[in-house]
Amino acid sequence: MTQPAPAQAQESLPLDSTAQLLTRITAQLGTQLGLVTRNGTRRTAPAQPARSRPPDSP
């Protein structure tokens, strides 16, 4: 027979860490879902912003 896990193991992550993780997952999911249309085809990439500094010289 197995012993039940101690109560301490059930709360291994503090609430703040869990909330931060869910926020990151939600943001990534929103970004990825924004790349496809409702019928599943890929959207065109948005225009890239202009670079703020000149390119590195060789």
PDB file of N, CA and C in Angstrom:
ATOM      1  N   MET A   1       0.827  -1.176   0.000  1.00  0.00           N
ATOM      2  CA  MET A   1       0.000   0.000   0.000  1.00  0.00           C
ATOM      3  C   MET A   1       0.878   1.249   0.000  1.00  0.00           C
ATOM      4  N   THR A   2       0.388   2.256  -0.642  1.00  0.00           N
ATOM      5  CA  THR A   2       1.144   3.506  -0.674  1.00  0.00           C
ATOM      6  C   THR A   2       0.637   4.435   0.407  1.00  0.00           C
ATOM      7  N   GLN A   3       1.512   5.247   0.902  1.00  0.00           N
ATOM      8  CA  GLN A   3       1.137   6.216   1.926  1.00  0.00           C
ATOM      9  C   GLN A   3       0.715   7.504   1.247  1.00  0.00           C
ATOM     10  N   PRO A   4      -0.244   8.206   1.806  1.00  0.00           N
ATOM     11  CA  PRO A   4      -0.636   9.486   1.203  1.00  0.00           C
ATOM     12  C   PRO A   4       0.512  10.482   1.276  1.00  0.00           C
ATOM     13  N   ALA A   5       0.562  11.355   0.276  1.00  0.00           N
ATOM     14  CA  ALA A   5       1.609  12.377   0.240  1.00  0.00           C
ATOM     15  C   ALA A   5       1.398  13.358   1.376  1.00  0.00           C
ATOM     16  N   PRO A   6       2.463  13.865   1.936  1.00  0.00           N
ATOM     17  CA  PRO A   6       2.294  14.858   3.004  1.00  0.00           C
ATOM     18  C   PRO A   6       1.618  16.117   2.470  1.00  0.00           C
ATOM     19  N   ALA A   7       0.950  16.843   3.343  1.00  0.00           N
ATOM     20  CA  ALA A   7       0.217  18.055   2.944  1.00  0.00           C
ATOM     21  C   ALA A   7       1.140  19.090   2.330  1.00  0.00           C
ATOM     22  N   GLN A   8       2.385  19.093   2.743  1.00  0.00           N
ATOM     23  CA  GLN A   8       3.342  20.070   2.231  1.00  0.00           C
ATOM     24  C   GLN A   8       3.598  19.873   0.739  1.00  0.00           C
ATOM     25  N   ALA A   9       3.571  18.653   0.232  1.00  0.00           N
ATOM     26  CA  ALA A   9       3.850  18.370  -1.181  1.00  0.00           C
ATOM     27  C   ALA A   9       2.741  18.898  -2.093  1.00  0.00           C
ATOM     28  N   GLN A  10       1.547  19.044  -1.584  1.00  0.00           N
ATOM     29  CA  GLN A  10       0.440  19.521  -2.409  1.00  0.00           C
ATOM     30  C   GLN A  10       0.636  20.977  -2.807  1.00  0.00           C
ATOM     31  N   GLU A  11       1.315  21.755  -2.008  1.00  0.00           N
ATOM     32  CA  GLU A  11       1.562  23.159  -2.309  1.00  0.00           C
ATOM     33  C   GLU A  11       3.048  23.372  -2.536  1.00  0.00           C
ATOM     34  N   SER A  12       3.570  22.740  -3.596  1.00  0.00           N
ATOM     35  CA  SER A  12       5.008  22.824  -3.841  1.00  0.00           C
ATOM     36  C   SER A  12       5.407  24.189  -4.401  1.00  0.00           C
ATOM     37  N   LEU A  13       4.506  24.854  -5.136  1.00  0.00           N
ATOM     38  CA  LEU A  13       4.804  26.170  -5.690  1.00  0.00           C
ATOM     39  C   LEU A  13       3.972  27.232  -4.980  1.00  0.00           C
ATOM     40  N   PRO A  14       4.574  28.332  -4.640  1.00  0.00           N
ATOM     41  CA  PRO A  14       3.768  29.420  -4.074  1.00  0.00           C
ATOM     42  C   PRO A  14       2.775  29.938  -5.116  1.00  0.00           C
ATOM     43  N   LEU A  15       1.729  30.551  -4.653  1.00  0.00           N
ATOM     44  CA  LEU A  15       0.688  31.058  -5.548  1.00  0.00           C
ATOM     45  C   LEU A  15       1.253  32.046  -6.557  1.00  0.00           C
ATOM     46  N   ASP A  16       2.183  32.890  -6.143  1.00  0.00           N
ATOM     47  CA  ASP A  16       2.761  33.870  -7.053  1.00  0.00           C
ATOM     48  C   ASP A  16       3.465  33.188  -8.218  1.00  0.00           C
ATOM     49  N   SER A  17       4.213  32.128  -7.954  1.00  0.00           N
ATOM     50  CA  SER A  17       4.911  31.414  -9.024  1.00  0.00           C
ATOM     51  C   SER A  17       3.922  30.777  -9.978  1.00  0.00           C
ATOM     52  N   THR A  18       2.860  30.203  -9.440  1.00  0.00           N
ATOM     53  CA  THR A  18       1.838  29.582 -10.279  1.00  0.00           C
ATOM     54  C   THR A  18       1.154  30.629 -11.143  1.00  0.00           C
ATOM     55  N   ALA A  19       0.827  31.760 -10.559  1.00  0.00           N
ATOM     56  CA  ALA A  19       0.173  32.837 -11.309  1.00  0.00           C
ATOM     57  C   ALA A  19       1.091  33.356 -12.404  1.00  0.00           C
ATOM     58  N   GLN A  20       2.381  33.506 -12.108  1.00  0.00           N
ATOM     59  CA  GLN A  20       3.329  33.969 -13.115  1.00  0.00           C
ATOM     60  C   GLN A  20       3.441  32.965 -14.252  1.00  0.00           C
ATOM     61  N   LEU A  21       3.482  31.689 -13.925  1.00  0.00           N
ATOM     62  CA  LEU A  21       3.571  30.649 -14.943  1.00  0.00           C
ATOM     63  C   LEU A  21       2.335  30.665 -15.840  1.00  0.00           C
ATOM     64  N   LEU A  22       1.159  30.746 -15.244  1.00  0.00           N
ATOM     65  CA  LEU A  22      -0.074  30.791 -16.035  1.00  0.00           C
ATOM     66  C   LEU A  22      -0.136  32.041 -16.896  1.00  0.00           C
ATOM     67  N   THR A  23       0.365  33.155 -16.397  1.00  0.00           N
ATOM     68  CA  THR A  23       0.393  34.388 -17.182  1.00  0.00           C
ATOM     69  C   THR A  23       1.297  34.221 -18.402  1.00  0.00           C
ATOM     70  N   ARG A  24       2.476  33.617 -18.209  1.00  0.00           N
ATOM     71  CA  ARG A  24       3.402  33.386 -19.328  1.00  0.00           C
ATOM     72  C   ARG A  24       2.787  32.445 -20.358  1.00  0.00           C
ATOM     73  N   ILE A  25       2.154  31.365 -19.884  1.00  0.00           N
ATOM     74  CA  ILE A  25       1.533  30.406 -20.795  1.00  0.00           C
ATOM     75  C   ILE A  25       0.425  31.081 -21.589  1.00  0.00           C
ATOM     76  N   THR A  26      -0.385  31.884 -20.905  1.00  0.00           N
ATOM     77  CA  THR A  26      -1.484  32.582 -21.575  1.00  0.00           C
ATOM     78  C   THR A  26      -0.957  33.547 -22.630  1.00  0.00           C
ATOM     79  N   ALA A  27       0.096  34.267 -22.320  1.00  0.00           N
ATOM     80  CA  ALA A  27       0.674  35.209 -23.276  1.00  0.00           C
ATOM     81  C   ALA A  27       1.237  34.472 -24.499  1.00  0.00           C
ATOM     82  N   GLN A  28       1.933  33.365 -24.276  1.00  0.00           N
ATOM     83  CA  GLN A  28       2.496  32.600 -25.390  1.00  0.00           C
ATOM     84  C   GLN A  28       1.395  32.007 -26.250  1.00  0.00           C
ATOM     85  N   LEU A  29       0.347  31.499 -25.604  1.00  0.00           N
ATOM     86  CA  LEU A  29      -0.764  30.922 -26.349  1.00  0.00           C
ATOM     87  C   LEU A  29      -1.453  31.989 -27.195  1.00  0.00           C
ATOM     88  N   GLY A  30      -1.654  33.167 -26.618  1.00  0.00           N
ATOM     89  CA  GLY A  30      -2.268  34.257 -27.371  1.00  0.00           C
ATOM     90  C   GLY A  30      -1.436  34.644 -28.575  1.00  0.00           C
ATOM     91  N   THR A  31      -0.118  34.690 -28.398  1.00  0.00           N
ATOM     92  CA  THR A  31       0.775  35.015 -29.512  1.00  0.00           C
ATOM     93  C   THR A  31       0.682  33.966 -30.606  1.00  0.00           C
ATOM     94  N   GLN A  32       0.707  32.701 -30.214  1.00  0.00           N
ATOM     95  CA  GLN A  32       0.665  31.623 -31.198  1.00  0.00           C
ATOM     96  C   GLN A  32      -0.688  31.552 -31.900  1.00  0.00           C
ATOM     97  N   LEU A  33      -1.764  31.750 -31.157  1.00  0.00           N
ATOM     98  CA  LEU A  33      -3.087  31.722 -31.775  1.00  0.00           C
ATOM     99  C   LEU A  33      -3.281  32.901 -32.721  1.00  0.00           C
ATOM    100  N   GLY A  34      -2.587  33.989 -32.469  1.00  0.00           N
ATOM    101  CA  GLY A  34      -2.669  35.143 -33.350  1.00  0.00           C
ATOM    102  C   GLY A  34      -2.021  34.902 -34.702  1.00  0.00           C
ATOM    103  N   LEU A  35      -1.251  33.829 -34.811  1.00  0.00           N
ATOM    104  CA  LEU A  35      -0.563  33.532 -36.066  1.00  0.00           C
ATOM    105  C   LEU A  35      -1.405  32.700 -37.024  1.00  0.00           C
ATOM    106  N   VAL A  36      -2.568  32.239 -36.584  1.00  0.00           N
ATOM    107  CA  VAL A  36      -3.428  31.433 -37.454  1.00  0.00           C
ATOM    108  C   VAL A  36      -4.824  32.035 -37.519  1.00  0.00           C
ATOM    109  N   THR A  37      -5.514  31.756 -38.625  1.00  0.00           N
ATOM    110  CA  THR A  37      -6.890  32.223 -38.775  1.00  0.00           C
ATOM    111  C   THR A  37      -7.830  31.190 -38.173  1.00  0.00           C
ATOM    112  N   ARG A  38      -9.110  31.493 -38.162  1.00  0.00           N
ATOM    113  CA  ARG A  38     -10.086  30.566 -37.577  1.00  0.00           C
ATOM    114  C   ARG A  38     -10.154  29.238 -38.320  1.00  0.00           C
ATOM    115  N   ASN A  39      -9.850  29.254 -39.612  1.00  0.00           N
ATOM    116  CA  ASN A  39      -9.905  27.987 -40.353  1.00  0.00           C
ATOM    117  C   ASN A  39      -8.564  27.255 -40.328  1.00  0.00           C
ATOM    118  N   GLY A  40      -7.609  27.755 -39.583  1.00  0.00           N
ATOM    119  CA  GLY A  40      -6.349  27.052 -39.366  1.00  0.00           C
ATOM    120  C   GLY A  40      -5.227  27.425 -40.311  1.00  0.00           C
ATOM    121  N   THR A  41      -5.460  28.363 -41.233  1.00  0.00           N
ATOM    122  CA  THR A  41      -4.380  28.762 -42.141  1.00  0.00           C
ATOM    123  C   THR A  41      -3.516  29.818 -41.461  1.00  0.00           C
ATOM    124  N   ARG A  42      -2.271  29.872 -41.878  1.00  0.00           N
ATOM    125  CA  ARG A  42      -1.307  30.794 -41.281  1.00  0.00           C
ATOM    126  C   ARG A  42      -1.570  32.218 -41.757  1.00  0.00           C
ATOM    127  N   ARG A  43      -1.523  33.160 -40.826  1.00  0.00           N
ATOM    128  CA  ARG A  43      -1.648  34.576 -41.182  1.00  0.00           C
ATOM    129  C   ARG A  43      -0.313  35.067 -41.726  1.00  0.00           C
ATOM    130  N   THR A  44      -0.367  36.147 -42.473  1.00  0.00           N
ATOM    131  CA  THR A  44       0.886  36.743 -42.938  1.00  0.00           C
ATOM    132  C   THR A  44       1.577  37.404 -41.752  1.00  0.00           C
ATOM    133  N   ALA A  45       2.890  37.433 -41.776  1.00  0.00           N
ATOM    134  CA  ALA A  45       3.656  38.008 -40.678  1.00  0.00           C
ATOM    135  C   ALA A  45       3.454  39.518 -40.648  1.00  0.00           C
ATOM    136  N   PRO A  46       3.339  40.095 -39.455  1.00  0.00           N
ATOM    137  CA  PRO A  46       3.216  41.554 -39.366  1.00  0.00           C
ATOM    138  C   PRO A  46       4.517  42.214 -39.801  1.00  0.00           C
ATOM    139  N   ALA A  47       4.418  43.450 -40.244  1.00  0.00           N
ATOM    140  CA  ALA A  47       5.606  44.185 -40.683  1.00  0.00           C
ATOM    141  C   ALA A  47       6.571  44.349 -39.518  1.00  0.00           C
ATOM    142  N   GLN A  48       7.838  44.175 -39.801  1.00  0.00           N
ATOM    143  CA  GLN A  48       8.865  44.312 -38.767  1.00  0.00           C
ATOM    144  C   GLN A  48       9.130  45.796 -38.518  1.00  0.00           C
ATOM    145  N   PRO A  49       9.300  46.187 -37.264  1.00  0.00           N
ATOM    146  CA  PRO A  49       9.600  47.605 -36.981  1.00  0.00           C
ATOM    147  C   PRO A  49      11.010  47.942 -37.480  1.00  0.00           C
ATOM    148  N   ALA A  50      11.216  49.205 -37.796  1.00  0.00           N
ATOM    149  CA  ALA A  50      12.527  49.655 -38.273  1.00  0.00           C
ATOM    150  C   ALA A  50      13.563  49.490 -37.168  1.00  0.00           C
ATOM    151  N   ARG A  51      14.774  49.188 -37.577  1.00  0.00           N
ATOM    152  CA  ARG A  51      15.844  49.035 -36.583  1.00  0.00           C
ATOM    153  C   ARG A  51      16.206  50.397 -36.020  1.00  0.00           C
ATOM    154  N   SER A  52      16.501  50.436 -34.735  1.00  0.00           N
ATOM    155  CA  SER A  52      16.806  51.710 -34.093  1.00  0.00           C
ATOM    156  C   SER A  52      18.309  52.062 -34.193  1.00  0.00           C
ATOM    157  N   ARG A  53      19.141  51.102 -34.581  1.00  0.00           N
ATOM    158  CA  ARG A  53      20.562  51.389 -34.707  1.00  0.00           C
ATOM    159  C   ARG A  53      21.065  50.863 -36.054  1.00  0.00           C
ATOM    160  N   PRO A  54      22.119  51.443 -36.585  1.00  0.00           N
ATOM    161  CA  PRO A  54      22.632  50.970 -37.870  1.00  0.00           C
ATOM    162  C   PRO A  54      23.220  49.564 -37.721  1.00  0.00           C
ATOM    163  N   PRO A  55      23.244  48.790 -38.807  1.00  0.00           N
ATOM    164  CA  PRO A  55      23.803  47.439 -38.724  1.00  0.00           C
ATOM    165  C   PRO A  55      25.296  47.490 -38.384  1.00  0.00           C
ATOM    166  N   ASP A  56      25.786  46.401 -37.778  1.00  0.00           N
ATOM    167  CA  ASP A  56      27.194  46.310 -37.413  1.00  0.00           C
ATOM    168  C   ASP A  56      28.049  46.273 -38.673  1.00  0.00           C
ATOM    169  N   SER A  57      29.153  47.026 -38.659  1.00  0.00           N
ATOM    170  CA  SER A  57      30.053  47.010 -39.830  1.00  0.00           C
ATOM    171  C   SER A  57      31.067  45.876 -39.658  1.00  0.00           C
ATOM    172  N   PRO A  58      31.495  45.250 -40.761  1.00  0.00           N
ATOM    173  CA  PRO A  58      32.440  44.114 -40.655  1.00  0.00           C
ATOM    174  C   PRO A  58      33.832  44.502 -40.249  1.00  0.00           C
TER     175      PRO A  58
END
